[in-house]
Amino acid sequence: MLAAILSIPYQVTWGSEFFDKYETTAEYLDRIVGLPSFVRRFGYVKRNGFTAVQAAPAAAAAPAKKDDDDDMDLFGSDNDEPAPKVKVEVKKKKKEVIAMSLVMLEVKPLDSETNLDDLAQNIFKNVTQDGLFWKTEYKKEPVAFGIFKLIIGFSCEDEKVSVDGIVEKIEEMEDFVQSVEIMAFNKI
């Protein structure tokens, strides 16, 4: 609740000087606004990256003219003094979001003699690809008449991995696998 209330000054008014001074508060807010439940309700909240540096006004930097000129200088003095420097922080590029999926497969063995533990290890070892991440745990569920099926899962990068291609690679193990079906397919 507190993070939701403080999200406006966190994004708009507080600068890096505030975050440096109140480091613990800044870390707390960074952690809270990054939580998935916070993002679902309030969207992405980014810390204000502006550094507040007060530039001295040009009139205070240049000595006042003592002669009685009627010339009105509306845009500052004509002297060759450089303008005061203002420090501006450049915001960092957003991290590229990678579209991923979580997939659960039902692998039905060829017969009741097939060792499902060996089959699972064989799949993890032989079906590999860039962007494919197997879950190390698997489950054996009874089908009928002493036959069990293997439930395995993986996450994958959508641009690099075809789920149908993974299913085909597993089905190519004809000595051990009867069929493979997609049990669940969720976008992460």
C-alpha atoms as a PDB file:
ATOM      1  CA  MET A   1       0.000   0.000   0.000  1.00  0.00           C
ATOM      2  CA  LEU A   2       2.820   2.363   0.935  1.00  0.00           C
ATOM      3  CA  ALA A   3       4.667   1.618  -2.306  1.00  0.00           C
ATOM      4  CA  ALA A   4       1.517   2.396  -4.317  1.00  0.00           C
ATOM      5  CA  ILE A   5       1.176   5.748  -2.558  1.00  0.00           C
ATOM      6  CA  LEU A   6       4.864   6.591  -3.009  1.00  0.00           C
ATOM      7  CA  SER A   7       4.992   5.469  -6.646  1.00  0.00           C
ATOM      8  CA  ILE A   8       4.158   8.965  -7.963  1.00  0.00           C
ATOM      9  CA  PRO A   9       7.024  10.809  -6.230  1.00  0.00           C
ATOM     10  CA  TYR A  10       9.222   7.765  -6.918  1.00  0.00           C
ATOM     11  CA  GLN A  11       8.649   8.231 -10.672  1.00  0.00           C
ATOM     12  CA  VAL A  12       8.320  11.993 -10.934  1.00  0.00           C
ATOM     13  CA  THR A  13       9.786  14.155  -8.202  1.00  0.00           C
ATOM     14  CA  TRP A  14      12.486  12.334  -6.260  1.00  0.00           C
ATOM     15  CA  GLY A  15      15.880  12.529  -7.924  1.00  0.00           C
ATOM     16  CA  SER A  16      19.050  10.545  -7.458  1.00  0.00           C
ATOM     17  CA  GLU A  17      20.050  12.801  -4.538  1.00  0.00           C
ATOM     18  CA  PHE A  18      16.994  11.550  -2.604  1.00  0.00           C
ATOM     19  CA  PHE A  19      17.740   7.934  -3.481  1.00  0.00           C
ATOM     20  CA  ASP A  20      21.384   8.341  -2.378  1.00  0.00           C
ATOM     21  CA  LYS A  21      20.358   9.937   0.919  1.00  0.00           C
ATOM     22  CA  TYR A  22      17.571   7.434   1.728  1.00  0.00           C
ATOM     23  CA  GLU A  23      19.196   4.323   0.340  1.00  0.00           C
ATOM     24  CA  THR A  24      17.186   1.812   2.388  1.00  0.00           C
ATOM     25  CA  THR A  25      13.870   3.361   1.364  1.00  0.00           C
ATOM     26  CA  ALA A  26      14.964   3.370  -2.274  1.00  0.00           C
ATOM     27  CA  GLU A  27      15.962  -0.317  -2.109  1.00  0.00           C
ATOM     28  CA  TYR A  28      12.606  -1.162  -0.482  1.00  0.00           C
ATOM     29  CA  LEU A  29      10.669   0.662  -3.206  1.00  0.00           C
ATOM     30  CA  ASP A  30      12.788  -0.901  -5.965  1.00  0.00           C
ATOM     31  CA  ARG A  31      12.029  -4.356  -4.576  1.00  0.00           C
ATOM     32  CA  ILE A  32       8.272  -3.755  -4.100  1.00  0.00           C
ATOM     33  CA  VAL A  33       7.588  -2.141  -7.508  1.00  0.00           C
ATOM     34  CA  GLY A  34       9.356  -5.066  -9.200  1.00  0.00           C
ATOM     35  CA  LEU A  35       7.051  -7.704  -7.701  1.00  0.00           C
ATOM     36  CA  PRO A  36       4.738  -9.375 -10.257  1.00  0.00           C
ATOM     37  CA  SER A  37       1.655  -8.689  -8.113  1.00  0.00           C
ATOM     38  CA  PHE A  38       2.509  -4.966  -7.974  1.00  0.00           C
ATOM     39  CA  VAL A  39       3.133  -4.835 -11.745  1.00  0.00           C
ATOM     40  CA  ARG A  40      -0.210  -6.549 -12.456  1.00  0.00           C
ATOM     41  CA  ARG A  41      -2.114  -3.954 -10.459  1.00  0.00           C
ATOM     42  CA  PHE A  42      -0.164  -0.750 -11.120  1.00  0.00           C
ATOM     43  CA  GLY A  43       1.926  -1.436 -14.210  1.00  0.00           C
ATOM     44  CA  TYR A  44       5.661  -0.915 -14.560  1.00  0.00           C
ATOM     45  CA  VAL A  45       7.028   1.811 -12.314  1.00  0.00           C
ATOM     46  CA  LYS A  46      10.489   3.213 -13.015  1.00  0.00           C
ATOM     47  CA  ARG A  47      12.634   5.263 -10.680  1.00  0.00           C
ATOM     48  CA  ASN A  48      13.080   8.915 -11.620  1.00  0.00           C
ATOM     49  CA  GLY A  49      16.581   9.211 -13.102  1.00  0.00           C
ATOM     50  CA  PHE A  50      16.866  13.006 -13.126  1.00  0.00           C
ATOM     51  CA  THR A  51      19.582  14.617 -11.018  1.00  0.00           C
ATOM     52  CA  ALA A  52      18.480  17.953  -9.647  1.00  0.00           C
ATOM     53  CA  VAL A  53      21.330  20.397 -10.180  1.00  0.00           C
ATOM     54  CA  GLN A  54      20.598  24.030  -9.616  1.00  0.00           C
ATOM     55  CA  ALA A  55      22.244  26.257 -12.170  1.00  0.00           C
ATOM     56  CA  ALA A  56      23.151  29.727 -11.014  1.00  0.00           C
ATOM     57  CA  PRO A  57      21.173  32.344 -12.900  1.00  0.00           C
ATOM     58  CA  ALA A  58      23.147  34.221 -15.530  1.00  0.00           C
ATOM     59  CA  ALA A  59      22.468  37.538 -13.841  1.00  0.00           C
ATOM     60  CA  ALA A  60      24.029  36.379 -10.581  1.00  0.00           C
ATOM     61  CA  ALA A  61      27.093  35.012 -12.392  1.00  0.00           C
ATOM     62  CA  ALA A  62      27.841  38.257 -14.227  1.00  0.00           C
ATOM     63  CA  PRO A  63      28.524  41.453 -12.277  1.00  0.00           C
ATOM     64  CA  ALA A  64      25.861  44.089 -12.602  1.00  0.00           C
ATOM     65  CA  LYS A  65      26.539  46.900 -15.057  1.00  0.00           C
ATOM     66  CA  LYS A  66      27.235  50.178 -13.379  1.00  0.00           C
ATOM     67  CA  ASP A  67      27.001  52.441 -16.395  1.00  0.00           C
ATOM     68  CA  ASP A  68      23.724  54.000 -17.272  1.00  0.00           C
ATOM     69  CA  ASP A  69      22.974  52.262 -20.526  1.00  0.00           C
ATOM     70  CA  ASP A  70      19.453  52.459 -21.719  1.00  0.00           C
ATOM     71  CA  ASP A  71      20.105  49.281 -23.666  1.00  0.00           C
ATOM     72  CA  MET A  72      17.979  46.575 -22.235  1.00  0.00           C
ATOM     73  CA  ASP A  73      19.626  43.175 -22.492  1.00  0.00           C
ATOM     74  CA  LEU A  74      16.732  40.710 -22.557  1.00  0.00           C
ATOM     75  CA  PHE A  75      18.756  37.584 -23.307  1.00  0.00           C
ATOM     76  CA  GLY A  76      21.711  37.792 -20.909  1.00  0.00           C
ATOM     77  CA  SER A  77      25.021  39.556 -21.155  1.00  0.00           C
ATOM     78  CA  ASP A  78      27.192  39.803 -24.249  1.00  0.00           C
ATOM     79  CA  ASN A  79      30.356  38.822 -22.431  1.00  0.00           C
ATOM     80  CA  ASP A  80      32.182  35.682 -23.496  1.00  0.00           C
ATOM     81  CA  GLU A  81      31.720  33.768 -20.246  1.00  0.00           C
ATOM     82  CA  PRO A  82      30.528  30.225 -20.759  1.00  0.00           C
ATOM     83  CA  ALA A  83      27.077  29.331 -19.533  1.00  0.00           C
ATOM     84  CA  PRO A  84      26.916  27.301 -16.320  1.00  0.00           C
ATOM     85  CA  LYS A  85      26.937  23.558 -16.923  1.00  0.00           C
ATOM     86  CA  VAL A  86      23.878  21.539 -16.038  1.00  0.00           C
ATOM     87  CA  LYS A  87      24.299  17.823 -15.367  1.00  0.00           C
ATOM     88  CA  VAL A  88      21.641  15.646 -16.982  1.00  0.00           C
ATOM     89  CA  GLU A  89      21.495  11.871 -16.572  1.00  0.00           C
ATOM     90  CA  VAL A  90      20.643   9.819 -19.611  1.00  0.00           C
ATOM     91  CA  LYS A  91      18.071   7.122 -18.955  1.00  0.00           C
ATOM     92  CA  LYS A  92      19.202   3.582 -19.650  1.00  0.00           C
ATOM     93  CA  LYS A  93      17.618   1.515 -22.391  1.00  0.00           C
ATOM     94  CA  LYS A  94      14.894  -0.866 -21.310  1.00  0.00           C
ATOM     95  CA  LYS A  95      15.862  -4.490 -21.138  1.00  0.00           C
ATOM     96  CA  GLU A  96      14.535  -6.469 -24.053  1.00  0.00           C
ATOM     97  CA  VAL A  97      11.616  -8.662 -23.037  1.00  0.00           C
ATOM     98  CA  ILE A  98      11.948 -12.239 -24.225  1.00  0.00           C
ATOM     99  CA  ALA A  99       8.666 -14.026 -24.966  1.00  0.00           C
ATOM    100  CA  MET A 100       8.685 -17.406 -23.256  1.00  0.00           C
ATOM    101  CA  SER A 101       6.319 -20.331 -22.819  1.00  0.00           C
ATOM    102  CA  LEU A 102       5.915 -23.032 -20.192  1.00  0.00           C
ATOM    103  CA  VAL A 103       4.920 -26.395 -21.662  1.00  0.00           C
ATOM    104  CA  MET A 104       3.909 -29.664 -19.979  1.00  0.00           C
ATOM    105  CA  LEU A 105       4.010 -32.853 -22.067  1.00  0.00           C
ATOM    106  CA  GLU A 106       2.449 -36.302 -21.639  1.00  0.00           C
ATOM    107  CA  VAL A 107       4.863 -38.911 -22.946  1.00  0.00           C
ATOM    108  CA  LYS A 108       3.211 -42.312 -23.385  1.00  0.00           C
ATOM    109  CA  PRO A 109       5.699 -45.202 -23.418  1.00  0.00           C
ATOM    110  CA  LEU A 110       5.701 -47.957 -26.005  1.00  0.00           C
ATOM    111  CA  ASP A 111       4.865 -50.675 -23.441  1.00  0.00           C
ATOM    112  CA  SER A 112       4.763 -51.439 -19.726  1.00  0.00           C
ATOM    113  CA  GLU A 113       8.404 -52.631 -19.814  1.00  0.00           C
ATOM    114  CA  THR A 114       9.748 -49.146 -20.660  1.00  0.00           C
ATOM    115  CA  ASN A 115      11.733 -47.656 -17.768  1.00  0.00           C
ATOM    116  CA  LEU A 116      10.313 -44.129 -17.398  1.00  0.00           C
ATOM    117  CA  ASP A 117      13.276 -42.881 -15.348  1.00  0.00           C
ATOM    118  CA  ASP A 118      15.684 -43.839 -18.132  1.00  0.00           C
ATOM    119  CA  LEU A 119      13.324 -42.377 -20.730  1.00  0.00           C
ATOM    120  CA  ALA A 120      13.191 -39.039 -18.890  1.00  0.00           C
ATOM    121  CA  GLN A 121      16.990 -38.867 -18.594  1.00  0.00           C
ATOM    122  CA  ASN A 122      17.302 -39.798 -22.269  1.00  0.00           C
ATOM    123  CA  ILE A 123      14.947 -36.947 -23.256  1.00  0.00           C
ATOM    124  CA  PHE A 124      16.819 -34.413 -21.088  1.00  0.00           C
ATOM    125  CA  LYS A 125      20.151 -35.527 -22.565  1.00  0.00           C
ATOM    126  CA  ASN A 126      19.265 -35.882 -26.250  1.00  0.00           C
ATOM    127  CA  VAL A 127      16.607 -33.248 -26.869  1.00  0.00           C
ATOM    128  CA  THR A 128      18.563 -30.018 -26.427  1.00  0.00           C
ATOM    129  CA  GLN A 129      18.458 -26.705 -28.205  1.00  0.00           C
ATOM    130  CA  ASP A 130      19.357 -23.067 -27.622  1.00  0.00           C
ATOM    131  CA  GLY A 131      16.463 -21.446 -25.737  1.00  0.00           C
ATOM    132  CA  LEU A 132      15.108 -24.763 -24.366  1.00  0.00           C
ATOM    133  CA  PHE A 133      15.193 -25.279 -20.584  1.00  0.00           C
ATOM    134  CA  TRP A 134      14.012 -28.638 -19.210  1.00  0.00           C
ATOM    135  CA  LYS A 135      12.489 -28.861 -15.740  1.00  0.00           C
ATOM    136  CA  THR A 136      14.553 -31.371 -13.772  1.00  0.00           C
ATOM    137  CA  GLU A 137      11.572 -32.942 -12.036  1.00  0.00           C
ATOM    138  CA  TYR A 138       9.117 -35.245 -13.772  1.00  0.00           C
ATOM    139  CA  LYS A 139       6.102 -37.268 -12.729  1.00  0.00           C
ATOM    140  CA  LYS A 140       4.825 -40.784 -13.488  1.00  0.00           C
ATOM    141  CA  GLU A 141       1.030 -41.110 -13.681  1.00  0.00           C
ATOM    142  CA  PRO A 142      -0.895 -44.376 -14.081  1.00  0.00           C
ATOM    143  CA  VAL A 143      -2.806 -44.856 -17.347  1.00  0.00           C
ATOM    144  CA  ALA A 144      -4.242 -48.399 -17.145  1.00  0.00           C
ATOM    145  CA  PHE A 145      -3.232 -52.030 -16.644  1.00  0.00           C
ATOM    146  CA  GLY A 146       0.093 -51.208 -14.968  1.00  0.00           C
ATOM    147  CA  ILE A 147       1.151 -48.770 -17.678  1.00  0.00           C
ATOM    148  CA  PHE A 148       2.311 -45.325 -16.615  1.00  0.00           C
ATOM    149  CA  LYS A 149       2.815 -42.137 -18.604  1.00  0.00           C
ATOM    150  CA  LEU A 150       5.569 -39.588 -18.078  1.00  0.00           C
ATOM    151  CA  ILE A 151       4.718 -35.935 -17.361  1.00  0.00           C
ATOM    152  CA  ILE A 152       7.664 -33.637 -18.146  1.00  0.00           C
ATOM    153  CA  GLY A 153       7.912 -29.899 -18.549  1.00  0.00           C
ATOM    154  CA  PHE A 154      10.110 -27.267 -20.102  1.00  0.00           C
ATOM    155  CA  SER A 155      10.250 -23.546 -20.679  1.00  0.00           C
ATOM    156  CA  CYS A 156      11.364 -22.134 -23.996  1.00  0.00           C
ATOM    157  CA  GLU A 157      12.042 -18.890 -25.807  1.00  0.00           C
ATOM    158  CA  ASP A 158       9.268 -18.567 -28.382  1.00  0.00           C
ATOM    159  CA  GLU A 159      11.485 -17.127 -31.129  1.00  0.00           C
ATOM    160  CA  LYS A 160      14.125 -19.866 -30.868  1.00  0.00           C
ATOM    161  CA  VAL A 161      12.160 -23.035 -30.104  1.00  0.00           C
ATOM    162  CA  SER A 162       9.234 -24.714 -31.837  1.00  0.00           C
ATOM    163  CA  VAL A 163       7.139 -26.758 -29.405  1.00  0.00           C
ATOM    164  CA  ASP A 164       5.979 -28.987 -32.264  1.00  0.00           C
ATOM    165  CA  GLY A 165       9.638 -29.599 -33.133  1.00  0.00           C
ATOM    166  CA  ILE A 166      10.338 -30.741 -29.555  1.00  0.00           C
ATOM    167  CA  VAL A 167       7.335 -33.090 -29.661  1.00  0.00           C
ATOM    168  CA  GLU A 168       8.584 -34.553 -32.959  1.00  0.00           C
ATOM    169  CA  LYS A 169      12.092 -35.111 -31.561  1.00  0.00           C
ATOM    170  CA  ILE A 170      10.672 -37.050 -28.612  1.00  0.00           C
ATOM    171  CA  GLU A 171       8.379 -39.084 -30.873  1.00  0.00           C
ATOM    172  CA  GLU A 172      11.436 -40.041 -32.965  1.00  0.00           C
ATOM    173  CA  MET A 173      12.501 -42.249 -30.020  1.00  0.00           C
ATOM    174  CA  GLU A 174      10.334 -45.025 -31.478  1.00  0.00           C
ATOM    175  CA  ASP A 175      11.904 -47.769 -29.351  1.00  0.00           C
ATOM    176  CA  PHE A 176      10.603 -46.129 -26.157  1.00  0.00           C
ATOM    177  CA  VAL A 177       7.786 -43.695 -27.020  1.00  0.00           C
ATOM    178  CA  GLN A 178       4.321 -44.424 -28.392  1.00  0.00           C
ATOM    179  CA  SER A 179       3.067 -40.816 -28.519  1.00  0.00           C
ATOM    180  CA  VAL A 180       3.526 -37.334 -27.048  1.00  0.00           C
ATOM    181  CA  GLU A 181       0.727 -34.884 -26.319  1.00  0.00           C
ATOM    182  CA  ILE A 182       0.828 -31.301 -25.107  1.00  0.00           C
ATOM    183  CA  MET A 183      -0.851 -31.281 -21.699  1.00  0.00           C
ATOM    184  CA  ALA A 184      -0.469 -27.542 -20.920  1.00  0.00           C
ATOM    185  CA  PHE A 185       0.881 -24.559 -22.867  1.00  0.00           C
ATOM    186  CA  ASN A 186       1.197 -21.235 -21.037  1.00  0.00           C
ATOM    187  CA  LYS A 187       2.865 -17.963 -21.990  1.00  0.00           C
ATOM    188  CA  ILE A 188       5.187 -16.604 -19.310  1.00  0.00           C
END
